[in-house]
Protein backbone atom coordinates (compact mmCIF):
# COMPACT_ATOMS: atom_id res chain seq x y z
CA MET A 1 -0.04 0.21 -0.12
CA ALA A 2 2.85 2.24 0.66
CA LEU A 3 4.53 1.69 -2.69
CA PHE A 4 0.95 2.43 -4.16
CA LEU A 5 0.57 5.87 -2.41
CA ALA A 6 3.83 6.89 -3.39
CA ARG A 7 3.39 6.16 -6.84
CA ARG A 8 0.02 7.67 -7.32
CA LEU A 9 1.17 10.68 -5.20
CA GLY A 10 4.06 11.27 -7.47
CA LYS A 11 1.81 11.08 -10.57
CA GLY A 12 -0.27 13.66 -8.78
CA LEU A 13 2.14 16.00 -8.17
CA LEU A 14 3.45 15.77 -12.06
CA VAL A 15 -0.25 16.51 -13.10
CA LEU A 16 -0.35 19.32 -10.82
CA LEU A 17 2.79 20.85 -12.33
CA ALA A 18 1.35 20.50 -15.70
CA ILE A 19 -2.05 22.07 -14.87
CA VAL A 20 -0.18 25.15 -13.18
CA VAL A 21 2.01 25.54 -16.26
CA LEU A 22 -0.78 25.18 -18.82
CA ASN A 23 -3.06 27.48 -16.95
CA PHE A 24 -0.23 30.19 -16.46
CA PHE A 25 0.39 30.58 -20.05
CA LEU A 26 -3.27 30.33 -20.96
CA ILE A 27 -4.06 32.97 -18.63
CA ARG A 28 -1.00 35.38 -19.61
CA LEU A 29 -2.08 34.98 -22.86
CA ALA A 30 -5.49 35.90 -22.55
CA PRO A 31 -6.35 39.43 -24.12
CA GLY A 32 -6.61 42.36 -21.42
CA ASP A 33 -3.67 43.75 -19.69
CA PRO A 34 -4.11 43.89 -15.90
CA ALA A 35 -1.54 46.81 -15.50
CA LEU A 36 -3.86 48.92 -18.10
CA VAL A 37 -7.10 48.23 -16.15
CA MET A 38 -5.51 48.94 -12.85
CA ALA A 39 -4.30 52.38 -14.46
CA GLY A 40 -7.64 53.24 -16.10
CA GLU A 41 -9.80 52.76 -12.78
CA ALA A 42 -7.06 54.97 -11.10
CA GLY A 43 -7.61 57.67 -13.54
CA ALA A 44 -3.88 57.36 -14.58
CA GLY A 45 -3.45 55.59 -18.11
CA ASP A 46 -0.02 57.43 -18.78
CA GLU A 47 2.72 55.06 -19.92
CA VAL A 48 4.67 55.60 -16.97
CA TYR A 49 2.33 54.77 -14.49
CA VAL A 50 1.66 51.59 -16.43
CA ALA A 51 5.28 50.73 -16.58
CA GLN A 52 5.29 51.18 -12.59
CA LEU A 53 2.62 48.99 -12.00
CA LYS A 54 3.89 46.17 -14.37
CA GLU A 55 7.47 46.37 -12.29
CA LYS A 56 5.90 46.45 -9.02
CA PHE A 57 3.89 43.07 -9.79
CA GLY A 58 6.48 41.45 -11.95
CA LEU A 59 4.58 41.92 -15.26
CA ASP A 60 7.31 43.51 -17.20
CA LYS A 61 9.32 40.24 -16.83
CA PRO A 62 9.79 37.46 -19.55
CA LEU A 63 6.72 34.87 -19.19
CA PRO A 64 9.39 31.89 -18.35
CA THR A 65 10.97 34.27 -15.51
CA GLN A 66 7.31 34.72 -14.24
CA LEU A 67 6.56 31.23 -14.25
CA GLY A 68 9.78 30.02 -12.44
CA LEU A 69 9.08 32.75 -9.84
CA TYR A 70 5.52 31.54 -9.36
CA LEU A 71 6.65 27.96 -9.07
CA GLY A 72 9.01 29.03 -6.56
CA SER A 73 6.60 30.61 -4.49
CA ILE A 74 3.98 27.92 -4.57
CA LEU A 75 6.95 25.47 -3.18
CA THR A 76 6.86 27.86 -0.09
CA LEU A 77 3.09 27.60 -0.20
CA ASP A 78 2.85 31.20 -1.27
CA LEU A 79 -0.06 31.72 -4.05
CA GLY A 80 1.00 35.44 -4.33
CA TYR A 81 -1.03 38.60 -3.94
CA SER A 82 -4.11 39.42 -5.26
CA VAL A 83 -3.75 43.11 -6.97
CA ARG A 84 -7.50 43.84 -6.97
CA GLN A 85 -8.47 42.34 -3.27
CA GLN A 86 -5.41 43.65 -1.54
CA MET A 87 -5.25 40.60 0.16
CA PRO A 88 -2.86 37.37 -0.06
CA VAL A 89 -4.15 35.14 -2.69
CA GLY A 90 -3.77 32.12 -0.17
CA GLN A 91 -6.04 34.00 2.44
CA LEU A 92 -8.65 34.51 0.39
CA ILE A 93 -9.25 31.04 -0.63
CA LEU A 94 -8.70 30.08 2.92
CA ASP A 95 -11.58 32.14 3.80
CA ARG A 96 -14.00 30.80 0.78
CA LEU A 97 -12.96 27.42 1.06
CA PRO A 98 -15.29 26.07 4.03
CA ALA A 99 -18.09 27.38 1.86
CA THR A 100 -17.16 25.48 -1.28
CA LEU A 101 -16.24 22.14 1.11
CA LEU A 102 -20.05 22.32 2.38
CA LEU A 103 -21.94 22.79 -0.72
CA THR A 104 -19.68 20.26 -2.69
CA GLY A 105 -19.86 17.66 0.50
CA THR A 106 -23.70 18.03 0.59
CA ALA A 107 -24.20 17.60 -2.93
CA PHE A 108 -22.05 14.59 -3.06
CA LEU A 109 -23.91 12.82 -0.20
CA ILE A 110 -27.27 13.76 -1.80
CA SER A 111 -26.09 12.68 -5.08
CA LEU A 112 -24.66 9.52 -3.94
CA THR A 113 -26.98 8.45 -1.61
CA LEU A 114 -30.00 9.04 -3.41
CA GLY A 115 -28.32 7.60 -6.50
CA VAL A 116 -27.58 4.46 -5.22
CA LEU A 117 -31.08 4.01 -3.70
CA PHE A 118 -32.87 4.66 -6.85
CA GLY A 119 -30.67 2.87 -8.88
CA ALA A 120 -31.03 -0.11 -6.77
CA LEU A 121 -34.67 0.50 -6.73
CA ALA A 122 -34.58 0.58 -10.46
CA ALA A 123 -32.68 -2.71 -10.83
CA ARG A 124 -34.83 -4.73 -8.41
CA ARG A 125 -37.87 -3.61 -10.44
CA ALA A 126 -36.13 -3.88 -13.98
CA GLY A 127 -39.05 -3.65 -16.98
CA ARG A 128 -41.74 -2.35 -14.57
CA TRP A 129 -43.49 1.08 -14.36
CA SER A 130 -41.21 2.21 -11.31
CA ASP A 131 -38.07 1.37 -13.30
CA THR A 132 -39.39 3.26 -16.27
CA VAL A 133 -40.12 6.45 -13.86
CA ILE A 134 -36.84 6.36 -12.20
CA THR A 135 -34.78 6.06 -15.31
CA GLY A 136 -36.78 8.82 -17.11
CA LEU A 137 -36.48 11.65 -14.33
CA ALA A 138 -32.87 10.58 -13.88
CA LEU A 139 -32.26 11.03 -17.92
CA LEU A 140 -34.43 14.27 -17.24
CA PHE A 141 -32.10 15.87 -14.73
CA TYR A 142 -28.84 14.88 -16.35
CA ALA A 143 -30.19 16.41 -19.76
CA THR A 144 -31.55 19.74 -18.26
CA PRO A 145 -28.96 22.43 -17.94
CA LEU A 146 -27.54 22.89 -14.24
CA PHE A 147 -28.22 26.72 -14.62
CA TRP A 148 -31.97 26.30 -15.91
CA VAL A 149 -32.61 24.14 -12.98
CA SER A 150 -31.32 26.53 -10.53
CA LEU A 151 -33.21 29.37 -11.61
CA MET A 152 -36.14 27.38 -11.85
CA ALA A 153 -35.60 26.39 -8.13
CA ILE A 154 -35.07 29.90 -7.27
CA ILE A 155 -38.59 30.77 -8.87
CA VAL A 156 -40.64 28.09 -7.49
CA PHE A 157 -39.27 27.74 -3.99
CA SER A 158 -38.07 31.19 -3.23
CA VAL A 159 -40.17 33.62 -5.15
CA ARG A 160 -43.47 31.66 -5.67
CA LEU A 161 -43.57 29.65 -2.31
CA ASP A 162 -41.30 31.70 -0.14
CA TRP A 163 -40.13 28.76 1.58
CA LEU A 164 -36.37 28.89 1.11
CA PRO A 165 -33.67 31.73 0.81
CA ALA A 166 -32.45 32.00 -2.82
CA PHE A 167 -29.02 33.44 -2.19
CA GLY A 168 -26.17 34.04 0.13
CA PHE A 169 -24.43 31.85 2.88
CA GLU A 170 -26.48 33.02 5.53
CA THR A 171 -29.22 35.98 6.50
CA VAL A 172 -27.43 39.54 6.70
CA GLY A 173 -27.74 41.01 10.19
CA GLY A 174 -29.72 38.18 11.25
CA GLY A 175 -27.61 38.12 14.50
CA HIS A 176 -27.82 34.27 14.74
CA ALA A 177 -25.45 32.35 16.84
CA GLY A 178 -24.93 28.66 17.98
CA LEU A 179 -27.68 26.32 16.57
CA ALA A 180 -29.76 29.00 15.40
CA ARG A 181 -26.75 30.21 12.94
CA ALA A 182 -26.21 26.52 11.77
CA ALA A 183 -29.95 26.34 10.97
CA ASP A 184 -29.79 29.60 9.05
CA ILE A 185 -27.13 28.18 6.83
CA ALA A 186 -28.97 24.82 6.59
CA ARG A 187 -31.57 26.83 4.87
CA HIS A 188 -29.59 28.48 2.66
CA LEU A 189 -27.86 25.42 1.63
CA VAL A 190 -30.86 23.52 0.49
CA LEU A 191 -31.62 24.91 -2.72
CA PRO A 192 -27.87 25.03 -4.22
CA SER A 193 -26.77 21.61 -2.75
CA MET A 194 -30.00 19.60 -4.27
CA THR A 195 -29.65 21.71 -7.28
CA LEU A 196 -26.30 20.30 -7.81
CA GLY A 197 -27.17 17.00 -6.13
CA LEU A 198 -29.54 16.22 -8.38
CA PHE A 199 -27.44 16.64 -11.29
CA PHE A 200 -24.84 14.35 -10.35
CA MET A 201 -27.76 11.84 -8.88
CA ALA A 202 -28.83 10.99 -12.31
CA VAL A 203 -25.29 9.53 -13.26
CA TYR A 204 -25.25 7.03 -10.15
CA VAL A 205 -28.89 5.78 -10.78
CA ARG A 206 -28.08 5.03 -14.27
CA MET A 207 -24.92 3.51 -13.11
CA THR A 208 -25.79 1.59 -10.05
CA ARG A 209 -29.01 0.13 -12.25
CA ALA A 210 -26.80 -1.36 -15.25
CA ALA A 211 -24.24 -2.61 -12.97
CA MET A 212 -26.69 -4.37 -10.38
CA LEU A 213 -28.19 -5.76 -13.85
CA GLU A 214 -24.86 -6.77 -14.95
CA VAL A 215 -23.94 -8.65 -11.46
CA ALA A 216 -27.46 -10.10 -11.16
CA GLY A 217 -26.76 -12.58 -14.19
CA GLN A 218 -23.31 -14.04 -12.74
CA ASP A 219 -22.99 -17.48 -11.90
CA PHE A 220 -22.51 -16.87 -8.16
CA VAL A 221 -25.62 -14.97 -7.67
CA LYS A 222 -27.64 -17.81 -9.47
CA THR A 223 -25.83 -20.21 -6.89
CA ALA A 224 -26.86 -18.23 -4.14
CA ARG A 225 -30.46 -18.43 -5.17
CA ALA A 226 -29.95 -22.19 -5.42
CA LYS A 227 -28.95 -22.16 -1.86
CA GLY A 228 -32.35 -20.83 -0.76
CA LEU A 229 -31.14 -17.50 0.22
CA ALA A 230 -33.77 -14.84 0.29
CA GLU A 231 -33.95 -12.40 -2.19
CA GLY A 232 -33.23 -9.29 -0.03
CA VAL A 233 -29.95 -10.94 1.04
CA ILE A 234 -28.71 -11.64 -2.24
CA GLN A 235 -29.33 -8.38 -3.41
CA ARG A 236 -27.67 -6.85 -0.31
CA ARG A 237 -24.62 -9.00 0.15
CA HIS A 238 -24.10 -10.39 -3.64
CA VAL A 239 -25.42 -8.16 -6.09
CA LEU A 240 -25.15 -4.56 -4.62
CA ARG A 241 -21.79 -5.11 -2.85
CA ASN A 242 -20.43 -6.18 -6.43
CA ALA A 243 -21.89 -3.49 -8.37
CA LEU A 244 -20.90 -0.90 -6.17
CA LEU A 245 -17.30 -1.24 -7.43
CA PRO A 246 -17.95 0.83 -10.61
CA VAL A 247 -19.76 3.08 -8.69
CA VAL A 248 -16.66 3.97 -6.50
CA THR A 249 -14.60 4.77 -9.30
CA LEU A 250 -17.35 7.24 -10.90
CA ALA A 251 -17.82 8.54 -7.58
CA GLY A 252 -14.14 9.67 -7.27
CA LEU A 253 -14.52 11.23 -10.75
CA GLN A 254 -17.61 13.08 -9.91
CA ALA A 255 -16.43 14.30 -6.64
CA GLY A 256 -13.91 16.38 -8.67
CA THR A 257 -16.36 17.28 -11.20
CA LEU A 258 -18.40 18.66 -8.60
CA VAL A 259 -15.71 21.38 -7.98
CA GLY A 260 -16.30 22.52 -11.39
CA GLY A 261 -20.49 22.34 -11.26
CA ALA A 262 -19.67 24.40 -8.14
CA ILE A 263 -18.63 27.17 -10.13
CA LEU A 264 -21.67 27.94 -11.73
CA THR A 265 -24.20 26.80 -8.56
CA GLU A 266 -22.41 29.32 -6.34
CA THR A 267 -22.53 32.30 -9.10
CA VAL A 268 -26.16 31.44 -9.35
CA PHE A 269 -27.01 31.24 -5.59
CA ALA A 270 -24.46 33.81 -4.52
CA TRP A 271 -22.81 31.07 -2.33
CA PRO A 272 -19.31 32.82 -1.32
CA GLY A 273 -17.18 30.02 -2.44
CA ILE A 274 -14.09 29.43 -4.26
CA GLY A 275 -16.19 28.87 -7.37
CA ARG A 276 -17.69 32.42 -7.20
CA LEU A 277 -14.14 33.76 -6.36
CA MET A 278 -13.17 32.32 -9.58
CA TYR A 279 -15.72 34.31 -11.31
CA GLU A 280 -15.03 37.34 -9.50
CA ALA A 281 -11.16 37.15 -10.27
CA LEU A 282 -12.02 36.47 -13.89
CA LEU A 283 -14.09 39.54 -14.31
CA GLN A 284 -11.57 41.70 -12.65
CA ARG A 285 -8.53 40.16 -14.63
CA ASP A 286 -6.93 39.25 -11.28
CA TYR A 287 -4.39 36.78 -12.60
CA ASN A 288 -2.64 35.77 -9.31
CA LEU A 289 -6.07 35.06 -7.77
CA LEU A 290 -7.60 33.30 -10.77
CA LEU A 291 -4.30 30.95 -11.01
CA GLY A 292 -4.36 30.85 -6.94
CA VAL A 293 -7.98 29.07 -7.57
CA PHE A 294 -6.99 26.77 -10.29
CA VAL A 295 -4.11 25.44 -8.18
CA VAL A 296 -6.18 24.71 -5.40
CA SER A 297 -9.10 23.46 -7.34
CA SER A 298 -6.81 21.11 -9.06
CA ALA A 299 -5.12 19.96 -6.24
CA MET A 300 -8.63 19.18 -4.35
CA VAL A 301 -9.32 16.85 -7.53
CA LEU A 302 -6.41 15.11 -7.40
CA VAL A 303 -6.94 14.25 -3.53
CA PHE A 304 -10.37 13.18 -4.42
CA ASN A 305 -8.91 10.76 -6.99
CA LEU A 306 -6.01 9.39 -4.51
CA VAL A 307 -8.72 8.67 -1.87
CA THR A 308 -10.80 6.79 -4.45
CA ASP A 309 -7.91 4.79 -5.75
CA VAL A 310 -7.42 3.78 -2.23
CA ILE A 311 -10.95 2.92 -1.17
CA TYR A 312 -11.48 0.73 -4.31
CA ARG A 313 -8.61 -1.03 -3.14
CA VAL A 314 -9.96 -1.68 0.42
CA VAL A 315 -13.67 -2.88 -1.43
CA ASP A 316 -11.69 -5.18 -3.44
CA PRO A 317 -8.13 -6.27 -2.20
CA ARG A 318 -7.90 -8.36 -5.27
CA ILE A 319 -7.07 -5.54 -7.36
CA GLU A 320 -3.38 -4.67 -7.60
CA ALA A 321 -1.67 -1.42 -7.90
CA THR A 322 -0.60 -0.39 -11.48
CA PRO A 323 2.59 0.88 -12.04
């Protein structure tokens, strides 16, 4: 296991390095000069002031030199300084990260739990009306654009029914503390987490259903039935347990995808996470902040994939580590 973890960690670091380099050059080659933007907002667009800004933030150096300096700062866990927020990038991300983890973690639990539950139900009732309804709804949630579902959820549950708040992390000026504050945050969490979770739930429904139907036709399942085991025991101990292996792999991939889906969800629901922070950095051409969010998001995805590989080996010890 130690060798397996070392190999996976080494590959992950190489992938992270490639992502950092690629994003660095893509951002730097994008149209627009942040020095010109800052000079224009300051009301001093002359060339001398622009040159001073470029020198101050290192934008006057060649791109390879800028990349080398940035990689060196990352090794010391320094993600740079946000020229627009006037704060260290690492501090800005740390302030927003808990909100993103809360949103993505809740959406992940919703999607995985409901997906496996309804997928197993659809598999046990394959060909019946309940199977048709479940798979049909799963396909509908998967095919519907996430932003449209988010807007419809706001219109129905917040505007029309006035059941849930539509925007923000908590009530501004509410003065809540303790359990009251936790309940207030939970109410604000319902719409964005359900919207994001239902989209990914559809994938787990279809994967669980397909995997269980495939496993149900295997010889060891037929042997279990021949021994007279109850159908419920067969489904839980033999079919579902073995069908969860591909679902675990998919869960690791989807956990990383949730980080990307959080960008749109946080923007629509004004959720103060790193997804919304990335959107704000993009609008403001804050290169250091944008690149810092990319680095942290990529690291989160790689960690999710590493945890998935470990869980996969624990679930099925027969799987050998690949070099």
